[in-house]
């Protein structure tokens, strides 16, 4: 994920504070491991962590409407809006990037199809506040070699200890992944 700024010194400091020895990993190794975690997050949640180009073609667009809901959001940039191969001037619409809503400032001419070309990507602030902390925790979990990491119980002689795996570190990571998957779409649910 070339477009995400990862502070490798912070990653080393974070892992060291969690008891992971980073001497055996080069900066490139750590960067590759973080990118692997980011790709996992992207595949599990469906979030666009790097710019992805899309083209929406709306054949049944209501040309009396002044709004269009872009299918993949948040929107990083709209490169072209056109009706039947006639480009609409960018000053004739306003884009709500976060919610993917295109608001036309005047009624569009009737046509066969509305075409919107754009790129979708999560905001840097969203990535820095929600995604990167999860990726760092996932990296820590991956590199953790402690014997009780995945234990659900430990038994020695007649003494047995059972762990509540519902609040284990891996369960918390999975819950955070699920929260990312669902929370991003909840406030953006659209009426059909």
N, C-alpha and C. Protein backbone atom coordinates (compact mmCIF):
# COMPACT_ATOMS: atom_id res chain seq x y z
N UNK A 1 0.86 -1.17 0.00
CA UNK A 1 0.00 0.00 0.00
C UNK A 1 0.91 1.23 0.00
N UNK A 2 1.37 1.56 -1.17
CA UNK A 2 2.35 2.62 -1.31
C UNK A 2 1.83 3.98 -0.86
N UNK A 3 0.54 4.20 -0.90
CA UNK A 3 0.01 5.52 -0.59
C UNK A 3 -0.23 5.74 0.91
N UNK A 4 -0.05 4.71 1.73
CA UNK A 4 -0.23 4.85 3.17
C UNK A 4 1.14 5.07 3.80
N UNK A 5 1.25 6.17 4.53
CA UNK A 5 2.51 6.54 5.15
C UNK A 5 2.69 5.76 6.45
N UNK A 6 3.64 4.85 6.47
CA UNK A 6 3.90 4.02 7.64
C UNK A 6 5.22 4.45 8.25
N UNK A 7 5.18 4.86 9.49
CA UNK A 7 6.38 5.27 10.23
C UNK A 7 7.02 4.01 10.82
N UNK A 8 8.07 3.53 10.17
CA UNK A 8 8.68 2.26 10.56
C UNK A 8 9.31 2.36 11.94
N UNK A 9 9.80 3.54 12.33
CA UNK A 9 10.36 3.71 13.67
C UNK A 9 9.27 3.57 14.73
N UNK A 10 8.07 4.08 14.43
CA UNK A 10 6.95 3.91 15.34
C UNK A 10 6.59 2.44 15.47
N UNK A 11 6.59 1.72 14.35
CA UNK A 11 6.26 0.29 14.37
C UNK A 11 7.27 -0.46 15.24
N UNK A 12 8.56 -0.15 15.08
CA UNK A 12 9.58 -0.80 15.90
C UNK A 12 9.37 -0.49 17.38
N UNK A 13 9.10 0.76 17.69
CA UNK A 13 8.88 1.16 19.07
C UNK A 13 7.64 0.46 19.65
N UNK A 14 6.58 0.39 18.86
CA UNK A 14 5.35 -0.27 19.29
C UNK A 14 5.60 -1.74 19.60
N UNK A 15 6.27 -2.43 18.69
CA UNK A 15 6.53 -3.85 18.88
C UNK A 15 7.46 -4.09 20.07
N UNK A 16 8.46 -3.24 20.22
CA UNK A 16 9.38 -3.36 21.35
C UNK A 16 8.64 -3.16 22.67
N UNK A 17 7.72 -2.20 22.70
CA UNK A 17 6.95 -1.96 23.93
C UNK A 17 6.05 -3.15 24.28
N UNK A 18 5.72 -3.97 23.29
CA UNK A 18 4.89 -5.16 23.51
C UNK A 18 5.72 -6.41 23.75
N UNK A 19 7.06 -6.24 23.83
CA UNK A 19 7.92 -7.38 24.12
C UNK A 19 8.38 -8.17 22.92
N UNK A 20 8.23 -7.63 21.73
CA UNK A 20 8.67 -8.31 20.51
C UNK A 20 10.07 -7.79 20.16
N UNK A 21 11.00 -8.69 19.95
CA UNK A 21 12.36 -8.32 19.55
C UNK A 21 12.37 -8.02 18.04
N UNK A 22 12.72 -6.81 17.69
CA UNK A 22 12.67 -6.41 16.28
C UNK A 22 14.03 -6.49 15.60
N UNK A 23 15.07 -6.90 16.34
CA UNK A 23 16.42 -6.94 15.76
C UNK A 23 16.52 -7.92 14.59
N UNK A 24 15.72 -8.97 14.61
CA UNK A 24 15.80 -9.98 13.55
C UNK A 24 15.01 -9.60 12.30
N UNK A 25 14.35 -8.43 12.33
CA UNK A 25 13.56 -7.98 11.18
C UNK A 25 14.16 -6.71 10.60
N UNK A 26 14.35 -6.70 9.29
CA UNK A 26 14.80 -5.47 8.63
C UNK A 26 13.61 -4.53 8.48
N UNK A 27 13.90 -3.28 8.17
CA UNK A 27 12.83 -2.31 7.95
C UNK A 27 11.91 -2.78 6.83
N UNK A 28 12.51 -3.35 5.79
CA UNK A 28 11.73 -3.84 4.66
C UNK A 28 10.83 -5.01 5.07
N UNK A 29 11.36 -5.89 5.92
CA UNK A 29 10.55 -7.01 6.42
C UNK A 29 9.33 -6.49 7.18
N UNK A 30 9.55 -5.55 8.09
CA UNK A 30 8.45 -4.99 8.87
C UNK A 30 7.44 -4.29 7.98
N UNK A 31 7.94 -3.55 7.01
CA UNK A 31 7.05 -2.86 6.07
C UNK A 31 6.20 -3.86 5.29
N UNK A 32 6.82 -4.94 4.84
CA UNK A 32 6.08 -5.98 4.11
C UNK A 32 5.04 -6.64 5.00
N UNK A 33 5.38 -6.87 6.26
CA UNK A 33 4.43 -7.49 7.19
C UNK A 33 3.25 -6.56 7.47
N UNK A 34 3.52 -5.26 7.61
CA UNK A 34 2.43 -4.29 7.81
C UNK A 34 1.54 -4.25 6.57
N UNK A 35 2.15 -4.25 5.39
CA UNK A 35 1.36 -4.23 4.15
C UNK A 35 0.51 -5.49 4.03
N UNK A 36 1.02 -6.61 4.48
CA UNK A 36 0.24 -7.84 4.49
C UNK A 36 -0.98 -7.70 5.39
N UNK A 37 -0.80 -7.09 6.55
CA UNK A 37 -1.92 -6.86 7.47
C UNK A 37 -2.93 -5.90 6.84
N UNK A 38 -2.44 -4.86 6.16
CA UNK A 38 -3.34 -3.90 5.50
C UNK A 38 -4.13 -4.57 4.38
N UNK A 39 -3.48 -5.44 3.63
CA UNK A 39 -4.20 -6.18 2.58
C UNK A 39 -5.25 -7.11 3.18
N UNK A 40 -4.94 -7.70 4.32
CA UNK A 40 -5.91 -8.56 5.01
C UNK A 40 -7.12 -7.73 5.43
N UNK A 41 -6.87 -6.56 6.01
CA UNK A 41 -7.95 -5.68 6.43
C UNK A 41 -8.80 -5.28 5.23
N UNK A 42 -8.13 -4.92 4.14
CA UNK A 42 -8.85 -4.51 2.93
C UNK A 42 -9.71 -5.65 2.40
N UNK A 43 -9.18 -6.85 2.37
CA UNK A 43 -9.96 -7.98 1.82
C UNK A 43 -11.09 -8.39 2.76
N UNK A 44 -10.87 -8.31 4.06
CA UNK A 44 -11.90 -8.70 5.03
C UNK A 44 -13.04 -7.68 5.12
N UNK A 45 -12.72 -6.41 4.94
CA UNK A 45 -13.72 -5.36 5.17
C UNK A 45 -14.30 -4.77 3.89
N UNK A 46 -13.59 -4.91 2.76
CA UNK A 46 -14.05 -4.30 1.52
C UNK A 46 -13.74 -2.82 1.43
N UNK A 47 -12.95 -2.29 2.37
CA UNK A 47 -12.57 -0.88 2.33
C UNK A 47 -11.52 -0.66 1.25
N UNK A 48 -11.59 0.48 0.59
CA UNK A 48 -10.58 0.84 -0.39
C UNK A 48 -9.50 1.65 0.32
N UNK A 49 -8.36 1.03 0.58
CA UNK A 49 -7.27 1.71 1.28
C UNK A 49 -6.32 2.39 0.31
N UNK A 50 -6.44 2.09 -0.95
CA UNK A 50 -5.69 2.79 -2.00
C UNK A 50 -6.71 3.15 -3.08
N UNK A 51 -6.40 4.16 -3.89
CA UNK A 51 -7.37 4.61 -4.90
C UNK A 51 -7.75 3.50 -5.88
N UNK A 52 -9.05 3.32 -6.08
CA UNK A 52 -9.57 2.32 -7.01
C UNK A 52 -10.49 3.04 -8.00
N UNK A 53 -10.22 2.93 -9.30
CA UNK A 53 -11.08 3.60 -10.29
C UNK A 53 -12.38 2.82 -10.53
N UNK A 54 -13.46 3.57 -10.67
CA UNK A 54 -14.78 2.98 -10.94
C UNK A 54 -15.47 3.81 -12.01
N UNK A 55 -16.41 3.17 -12.69
CA UNK A 55 -17.30 3.85 -13.62
C UNK A 55 -18.71 3.38 -13.33
N UNK A 56 -19.58 4.32 -12.94
CA UNK A 56 -21.00 4.02 -12.75
C UNK A 56 -21.73 4.39 -14.03
N UNK A 57 -22.52 3.47 -14.56
CA UNK A 57 -23.35 3.75 -15.72
C UNK A 57 -24.79 3.54 -15.29
N UNK A 58 -25.54 4.61 -15.28
CA UNK A 58 -26.93 4.58 -14.80
C UNK A 58 -27.85 4.73 -16.01
N UNK A 59 -28.42 3.60 -16.46
CA UNK A 59 -29.29 3.62 -17.63
C UNK A 59 -30.70 4.10 -17.29
N UNK A 60 -31.11 3.94 -16.05
CA UNK A 60 -32.46 4.33 -15.65
C UNK A 60 -32.44 5.55 -14.75
N UNK A 61 -31.51 6.45 -14.99
CA UNK A 61 -31.41 7.64 -14.14
C UNK A 61 -32.62 8.55 -14.36
N UNK A 62 -33.17 9.04 -13.26
CA UNK A 62 -34.28 9.98 -13.31
C UNK A 62 -33.69 11.37 -13.55
N UNK A 63 -33.77 11.85 -14.77
CA UNK A 63 -33.14 13.11 -15.13
C UNK A 63 -33.84 14.32 -14.52
N UNK A 64 -34.96 14.12 -13.85
CA UNK A 64 -35.59 15.20 -13.09
C UNK A 64 -34.94 15.36 -11.72
N UNK A 65 -34.21 14.35 -11.29
CA UNK A 65 -33.54 14.38 -9.99
C UNK A 65 -32.29 15.24 -10.05
N UNK A 66 -32.00 15.88 -8.94
CA UNK A 66 -30.79 16.69 -8.86
C UNK A 66 -29.69 15.97 -8.06
N UNK A 67 -29.94 14.72 -7.68
CA UNK A 67 -28.98 13.95 -6.89
C UNK A 67 -28.67 12.62 -7.55
N UNK A 68 -27.42 12.18 -7.35
CA UNK A 68 -27.02 10.85 -7.76
C UNK A 68 -26.16 10.26 -6.66
N UNK A 69 -26.47 9.04 -6.22
CA UNK A 69 -25.69 8.33 -5.21
C UNK A 69 -24.65 7.47 -5.90
N UNK A 70 -23.39 7.85 -5.74
CA UNK A 70 -22.28 7.09 -6.31
C UNK A 70 -22.18 5.76 -5.58
N UNK A 71 -21.92 4.71 -6.33
CA UNK A 71 -22.00 3.35 -5.77
C UNK A 71 -20.86 3.00 -4.82
N UNK A 72 -19.66 3.49 -5.06
CA UNK A 72 -18.50 3.16 -4.22
C UNK A 72 -18.00 4.44 -3.56
N UNK A 73 -18.09 4.50 -2.27
CA UNK A 73 -17.72 5.71 -1.54
C UNK A 73 -16.97 5.30 -0.29
N UNK A 74 -16.23 6.19 0.31
CA UNK A 74 -16.03 7.60 0.00
C UNK A 74 -15.31 7.79 -1.34
N UNK A 75 -15.58 8.92 -1.94
CA UNK A 75 -15.04 9.23 -3.26
C UNK A 75 -13.82 10.14 -3.09
N UNK A 76 -12.73 9.74 -3.70
CA UNK A 76 -11.53 10.56 -3.64
C UNK A 76 -11.62 11.69 -4.68
N UNK A 77 -12.07 11.33 -5.88
CA UNK A 77 -12.12 12.32 -6.96
C UNK A 77 -13.08 11.85 -8.05
N UNK A 78 -13.82 12.79 -8.59
CA UNK A 78 -14.65 12.52 -9.77
C UNK A 78 -13.88 13.05 -10.97
N UNK A 79 -13.61 12.18 -11.94
CA UNK A 79 -12.85 12.61 -13.11
C UNK A 79 -13.74 13.03 -14.27
N UNK A 80 -14.96 12.45 -14.34
CA UNK A 80 -15.83 12.80 -15.45
C UNK A 80 -17.27 12.44 -15.13
N UNK A 81 -18.18 13.35 -15.47
CA UNK A 81 -19.62 13.08 -15.41
C UNK A 81 -20.16 13.43 -16.78
N UNK A 82 -20.91 12.51 -17.38
CA UNK A 82 -21.43 12.78 -18.71
C UNK A 82 -22.80 12.15 -18.90
N UNK A 83 -23.55 12.76 -19.80
CA UNK A 83 -24.84 12.23 -20.23
C UNK A 83 -24.74 12.02 -21.73
N UNK A 84 -24.88 10.78 -22.14
CA UNK A 84 -24.79 10.41 -23.57
C UNK A 84 -23.54 11.00 -24.23
N UNK A 85 -22.38 10.77 -23.61
CA UNK A 85 -21.07 11.21 -24.11
C UNK A 85 -20.89 12.73 -24.15
N UNK A 86 -21.76 13.47 -23.50
CA UNK A 86 -21.60 14.92 -23.39
C UNK A 86 -21.20 15.21 -21.94
N UNK A 87 -19.99 15.75 -21.77
CA UNK A 87 -19.45 15.95 -20.43
C UNK A 87 -20.16 17.10 -19.71
N UNK A 88 -20.44 16.87 -18.44
CA UNK A 88 -21.04 17.89 -17.58
C UNK A 88 -19.89 18.66 -16.93
N UNK A 89 -19.96 19.97 -16.97
CA UNK A 89 -18.92 20.81 -16.40
C UNK A 89 -18.83 20.60 -14.88
N UNK A 90 -17.62 20.47 -14.33
CA UNK A 90 -17.47 20.26 -12.89
C UNK A 90 -18.07 21.38 -12.03
N UNK A 91 -18.26 22.55 -12.59
CA UNK A 91 -18.88 23.64 -11.82
C UNK A 91 -20.39 23.46 -11.73
N UNK A 92 -20.94 22.47 -12.45
CA UNK A 92 -22.39 22.24 -12.44
C UNK A 92 -22.82 21.17 -11.44
N UNK A 93 -21.89 20.69 -10.63
CA UNK A 93 -22.25 19.73 -9.59
C UNK A 93 -21.33 19.89 -8.38
N UNK A 94 -21.85 19.41 -7.25
CA UNK A 94 -21.11 19.42 -6.00
C UNK A 94 -21.02 17.98 -5.53
N UNK A 95 -19.87 17.60 -5.02
CA UNK A 95 -19.66 16.23 -4.56
C UNK A 95 -19.52 16.20 -3.04
N UNK A 96 -20.31 15.36 -2.41
CA UNK A 96 -20.13 15.03 -0.99
C UNK A 96 -19.25 13.78 -1.00
N UNK A 97 -17.94 13.98 -0.84
CA UNK A 97 -16.97 12.89 -0.96
C UNK A 97 -17.24 11.75 0.02
N UNK A 98 -17.49 12.09 1.26
CA UNK A 98 -17.63 11.09 2.32
C UNK A 98 -18.82 10.16 2.08
N UNK A 99 -19.93 10.72 1.63
CA UNK A 99 -21.15 9.93 1.44
C UNK A 99 -21.40 9.53 0.00
N UNK A 100 -20.53 9.98 -0.93
CA UNK A 100 -20.67 9.60 -2.32
C UNK A 100 -21.93 10.13 -2.97
N UNK A 101 -22.27 11.36 -2.65
CA UNK A 101 -23.50 11.95 -3.19
C UNK A 101 -23.12 13.09 -4.14
N UNK A 102 -23.61 12.99 -5.35
CA UNK A 102 -23.37 14.00 -6.38
C UNK A 102 -24.63 14.85 -6.48
N UNK A 103 -24.48 16.14 -6.27
CA UNK A 103 -25.62 17.07 -6.30
C UNK A 103 -25.46 17.97 -7.52
N UNK A 104 -26.42 17.89 -8.44
CA UNK A 104 -26.38 18.73 -9.64
C UNK A 104 -26.99 20.08 -9.32
N UNK A 105 -26.35 21.14 -9.78
CA UNK A 105 -26.81 22.50 -9.48
C UNK A 105 -27.90 22.97 -10.43
N UNK A 106 -28.06 22.25 -11.52
CA UNK A 106 -29.17 22.54 -12.44
C UNK A 106 -29.63 21.23 -13.06
N UNK A 107 -30.84 21.25 -13.57
CA UNK A 107 -31.43 20.05 -14.16
C UNK A 107 -30.61 19.61 -15.36
N UNK A 108 -30.36 18.29 -15.42
CA UNK A 108 -29.61 17.74 -16.55
C UNK A 108 -30.51 17.57 -17.76
N UNK A 109 -29.92 17.65 -18.95
CA UNK A 109 -30.66 17.36 -20.17
C UNK A 109 -30.99 15.86 -20.19
N UNK A 110 -32.16 15.53 -20.72
CA UNK A 110 -32.58 14.13 -20.82
C UNK A 110 -31.58 13.36 -21.69
N UNK A 111 -31.41 12.08 -21.38
CA UNK A 111 -30.51 11.25 -22.16
C UNK A 111 -30.75 9.79 -21.89
N UNK A 112 -29.93 8.97 -22.50
CA UNK A 112 -30.04 7.52 -22.33
C UNK A 112 -29.32 7.04 -21.08
N UNK A 113 -28.17 7.65 -20.77
CA UNK A 113 -27.37 7.15 -19.66
C UNK A 113 -26.56 8.26 -19.00
N UNK A 114 -26.48 8.17 -17.68
CA UNK A 114 -25.59 9.01 -16.89
C UNK A 114 -24.35 8.18 -16.59
N UNK A 115 -23.16 8.72 -16.88
CA UNK A 115 -21.91 8.01 -16.64
C UNK A 115 -21.06 8.86 -15.69
N UNK A 116 -20.61 8.23 -14.61
CA UNK A 116 -19.76 8.91 -13.63
C UNK A 116 -18.48 8.10 -13.47
N UNK A 117 -17.34 8.73 -13.77
CA UNK A 117 -16.03 8.09 -13.61
C UNK A 117 -15.35 8.74 -12.40
N UNK A 118 -14.83 7.90 -11.51
CA UNK A 118 -14.28 8.42 -10.26
C UNK A 118 -13.33 7.42 -9.63
N UNK A 119 -12.65 7.86 -8.59
CA UNK A 119 -11.84 6.96 -7.79
C UNK A 119 -12.37 6.98 -6.36
N UNK A 120 -12.35 5.81 -5.75
CA UNK A 120 -12.82 5.66 -4.38
C UNK A 120 -11.64 5.29 -3.49
N UNK A 121 -11.58 5.92 -2.30
CA UNK A 121 -10.54 5.61 -1.32
C UNK A 121 -10.97 6.16 0.02
N UNK A 122 -10.66 5.42 1.08
CA UNK A 122 -10.93 5.92 2.42
C UNK A 122 -10.05 7.15 2.68
N UNK A 123 -10.52 8.04 3.52
CA UNK A 123 -9.75 9.25 3.83
C UNK A 123 -8.52 8.88 4.64
N UNK A 124 -7.50 9.72 4.54
CA UNK A 124 -6.27 9.49 5.29
C UNK A 124 -6.54 9.49 6.79
N UNK A 125 -7.42 10.38 7.24
CA UNK A 125 -7.71 10.44 8.67
C UNK A 125 -8.40 9.15 9.14
N UNK A 126 -9.29 8.58 8.33
CA UNK A 126 -9.93 7.32 8.67
C UNK A 126 -8.90 6.19 8.73
N UNK A 127 -8.02 6.16 7.76
CA UNK A 127 -6.98 5.11 7.72
C UNK A 127 -6.07 5.24 8.93
N UNK A 128 -5.64 6.47 9.23
CA UNK A 128 -4.72 6.68 10.36
C UNK A 128 -5.36 6.43 11.71
N UNK A 129 -6.65 6.68 11.84
CA UNK A 129 -7.29 6.52 13.15
C UNK A 129 -7.92 5.15 13.37
N UNK A 130 -8.34 4.48 12.32
CA UNK A 130 -9.04 3.19 12.47
C UNK A 130 -8.27 2.00 11.92
N UNK A 131 -7.66 2.16 10.76
CA UNK A 131 -7.07 1.02 10.07
C UNK A 131 -5.65 0.72 10.55
N UNK A 132 -4.80 1.75 10.60
CA UNK A 132 -3.40 1.50 11.00
C UNK A 132 -3.28 0.94 12.42
N UNK A 133 -4.00 1.46 13.42
CA UNK A 133 -3.89 0.83 14.75
C UNK A 133 -4.27 -0.65 14.73
N UNK A 134 -5.28 -1.00 13.97
CA UNK A 134 -5.66 -2.41 13.86
C UNK A 134 -4.56 -3.21 13.17
N UNK A 135 -3.96 -2.66 12.12
CA UNK A 135 -2.87 -3.35 11.42
C UNK A 135 -1.68 -3.56 12.35
N UNK A 136 -1.37 -2.58 13.20
CA UNK A 136 -0.26 -2.75 14.14
C UNK A 136 -0.58 -3.84 15.16
N UNK A 137 -1.80 -3.88 15.65
CA UNK A 137 -2.18 -4.93 16.60
C UNK A 137 -2.16 -6.31 15.93
N UNK A 138 -2.59 -6.37 14.69
CA UNK A 138 -2.55 -7.64 13.95
C UNK A 138 -1.10 -8.09 13.74
N UNK A 139 -0.22 -7.13 13.47
CA UNK A 139 1.20 -7.47 13.31
C UNK A 139 1.76 -8.00 14.62
N UNK A 140 1.44 -7.32 15.72
CA UNK A 140 1.89 -7.80 17.04
C UNK A 140 1.40 -9.22 17.29
N UNK A 141 0.14 -9.49 17.01
CA UNK A 141 -0.42 -10.82 17.23
C UNK A 141 0.31 -11.85 16.36
N UNK A 142 0.62 -11.48 15.13
CA UNK A 142 1.31 -12.39 14.22
C UNK A 142 2.71 -12.72 14.73
N UNK A 143 3.41 -11.71 15.25
CA UNK A 143 4.80 -11.91 15.68
C UNK A 143 4.91 -12.45 17.12
N UNK A 144 3.83 -12.43 17.87
CA UNK A 144 3.85 -12.90 19.25
C UNK A 144 4.05 -14.42 19.26
N UNK A 145 5.05 -14.85 20.00
CA UNK A 145 5.35 -16.29 20.08
C UNK A 145 5.13 -16.84 21.48
N UNK A 146 4.45 -16.11 22.34
CA UNK A 146 4.24 -16.58 23.71
C UNK A 146 3.40 -17.86 23.69
N UNK A 147 3.70 -18.79 24.61
CA UNK A 147 3.01 -20.09 24.59
C UNK A 147 1.52 -20.02 24.89
N UNK A 148 1.08 -19.02 25.62
CA UNK A 148 -0.34 -18.93 25.99
C UNK A 148 -1.15 -18.08 25.01
N UNK A 149 -0.54 -17.71 23.89
CA UNK A 149 -1.19 -16.82 22.91
C UNK A 149 -2.56 -17.33 22.47
N UNK A 150 -2.66 -18.60 22.14
CA UNK A 150 -3.93 -19.16 21.65
C UNK A 150 -4.53 -20.17 22.62
N UNK A 151 -4.08 -20.14 23.85
CA UNK A 151 -4.55 -21.14 24.82
C UNK A 151 -5.97 -20.83 25.27
N UNK A 152 -6.76 -21.88 25.39
CA UNK A 152 -8.10 -21.73 25.96
C UNK A 152 -8.14 -22.30 27.38
N UNK A 153 -7.15 -23.15 27.68
CA UNK A 153 -7.02 -23.67 29.04
C UNK A 153 -5.60 -24.18 29.25
N UNK A 154 -5.21 -24.17 30.50
CA UNK A 154 -3.89 -24.69 30.88
C UNK A 154 -4.12 -25.65 32.05
N UNK A 155 -3.47 -26.81 31.97
CA UNK A 155 -3.64 -27.79 33.05
C UNK A 155 -2.28 -28.29 33.48
N UNK A 156 -2.09 -28.29 34.81
CA UNK A 156 -0.88 -28.85 35.37
C UNK A 156 -1.28 -29.65 36.60
N UNK A 157 -0.97 -30.91 36.59
CA UNK A 157 -1.39 -31.83 37.65
C UNK A 157 -2.91 -31.75 37.84
N UNK A 158 -3.36 -31.41 39.03
CA UNK A 158 -4.79 -31.34 39.31
C UNK A 158 -5.36 -29.93 39.17
N UNK A 159 -4.54 -28.99 38.73
CA UNK A 159 -4.97 -27.60 38.61
C UNK A 159 -5.23 -27.28 37.14
N UNK A 160 -6.40 -26.75 36.88
CA UNK A 160 -6.78 -26.39 35.51
C UNK A 160 -7.27 -24.94 35.50
N UNK A 161 -6.80 -24.20 34.52
CA UNK A 161 -7.24 -22.80 34.35
C UNK A 161 -7.87 -22.69 32.97
N UNK A 162 -9.09 -22.20 32.92
CA UNK A 162 -9.78 -21.97 31.65
C UNK A 162 -9.84 -20.47 31.38
N UNK A 163 -9.48 -20.11 30.17
CA UNK A 163 -9.49 -18.71 29.78
C UNK A 163 -10.80 -18.38 29.07
N UNK A 164 -11.25 -17.17 29.27
CA UNK A 164 -12.42 -16.67 28.54
C UNK A 164 -11.92 -16.21 27.17
N UNK A 165 -12.10 -17.03 26.15
CA UNK A 165 -11.60 -16.68 24.82
C UNK A 165 -12.46 -15.64 24.12
N UNK A 166 -13.59 -15.30 24.72
CA UNK A 166 -14.45 -14.26 24.14
C UNK A 166 -13.84 -12.89 24.20
N UNK A 167 -12.89 -12.69 25.12
CA UNK A 167 -12.23 -11.39 25.19
C UNK A 167 -10.73 -11.53 24.99
N UNK A 168 -10.33 -12.58 24.29
CA UNK A 168 -8.92 -12.76 23.97
C UNK A 168 -8.50 -11.72 22.93
N UNK A 169 -7.20 -11.59 22.76
CA UNK A 169 -6.69 -10.58 21.83
C UNK A 169 -7.15 -10.85 20.40
N UNK A 170 -7.15 -12.11 19.98
CA UNK A 170 -7.59 -12.43 18.62
C UNK A 170 -9.09 -12.16 18.46
N UNK A 171 -9.87 -12.40 19.51
CA UNK A 171 -11.31 -12.10 19.44
C UNK A 171 -11.54 -10.60 19.31
N UNK A 172 -10.73 -9.82 20.02
CA UNK A 172 -10.84 -8.35 19.94
C UNK A 172 -10.45 -7.88 18.54
N UNK A 173 -9.40 -8.45 17.97
CA UNK A 173 -9.00 -8.09 16.60
C UNK A 173 -10.12 -8.43 15.62
N UNK A 174 -10.70 -9.61 15.76
CA UNK A 174 -11.80 -10.00 14.86
C UNK A 174 -13.00 -9.09 15.03
N UNK A 175 -13.29 -8.68 16.25
CA UNK A 175 -14.41 -7.76 16.48
C UNK A 175 -14.13 -6.40 15.84
N UNK A 176 -12.89 -5.94 15.96
CA UNK A 176 -12.53 -4.66 15.34
C UNK A 176 -12.62 -4.74 13.82
N UNK A 177 -12.23 -5.88 13.25
CA UNK A 177 -12.38 -6.09 11.80
C UNK A 177 -13.86 -6.05 11.42
N UNK A 178 -14.68 -6.73 12.18
CA UNK A 178 -16.12 -6.73 11.92
C UNK A 178 -16.72 -5.34 12.08
N UNK A 179 -16.28 -4.60 13.09
CA UNK A 179 -16.76 -3.23 13.29
C UNK A 179 -16.41 -2.35 12.10
N UNK A 180 -15.20 -2.52 11.56
CA UNK A 180 -14.81 -1.76 10.38
C UNK A 180 -15.69 -2.11 9.19
N UNK A 181 -15.99 -3.39 9.07
CA UNK A 181 -16.81 -3.87 7.96
C UNK A 181 -18.22 -3.29 8.01
N UNK A 182 -18.81 -3.25 9.20
CA UNK A 182 -20.20 -2.82 9.31
C UNK A 182 -20.37 -1.33 9.60
N UNK A 183 -19.49 -0.75 10.40
CA UNK A 183 -19.69 0.65 10.79
C UNK A 183 -19.53 1.60 9.62
N UNK A 184 -18.75 1.24 8.65
CA UNK A 184 -18.52 2.13 7.51
C UNK A 184 -19.77 2.25 6.66
N UNK A 185 -20.59 1.24 6.68
CA UNK A 185 -21.78 1.25 5.83
C UNK A 185 -23.05 1.66 6.57
N UNK A 186 -23.08 1.56 7.88
CA UNK A 186 -24.30 1.87 8.63
C UNK A 186 -24.81 3.29 8.38
N UNK A 187 -23.99 4.34 8.59
CA UNK A 187 -24.53 5.67 8.42
C UNK A 187 -24.75 6.04 6.97
N UNK A 188 -24.26 5.20 6.07
CA UNK A 188 -24.34 5.54 4.65
C UNK A 188 -25.40 4.72 3.92
N UNK A 189 -26.24 4.02 4.66
CA UNK A 189 -27.30 3.22 4.05
C UNK A 189 -28.21 4.14 3.24
N UNK A 190 -28.59 3.68 2.09
CA UNK A 190 -29.35 4.52 1.18
C UNK A 190 -30.73 3.96 0.91
N UNK A 191 -31.63 4.84 0.64
CA UNK A 191 -32.98 4.43 0.28
C UNK A 191 -33.00 4.02 -1.19
N UNK A 192 -33.70 2.96 -1.49
CA UNK A 192 -33.82 2.51 -2.89
C UNK A 192 -35.11 2.99 -3.47
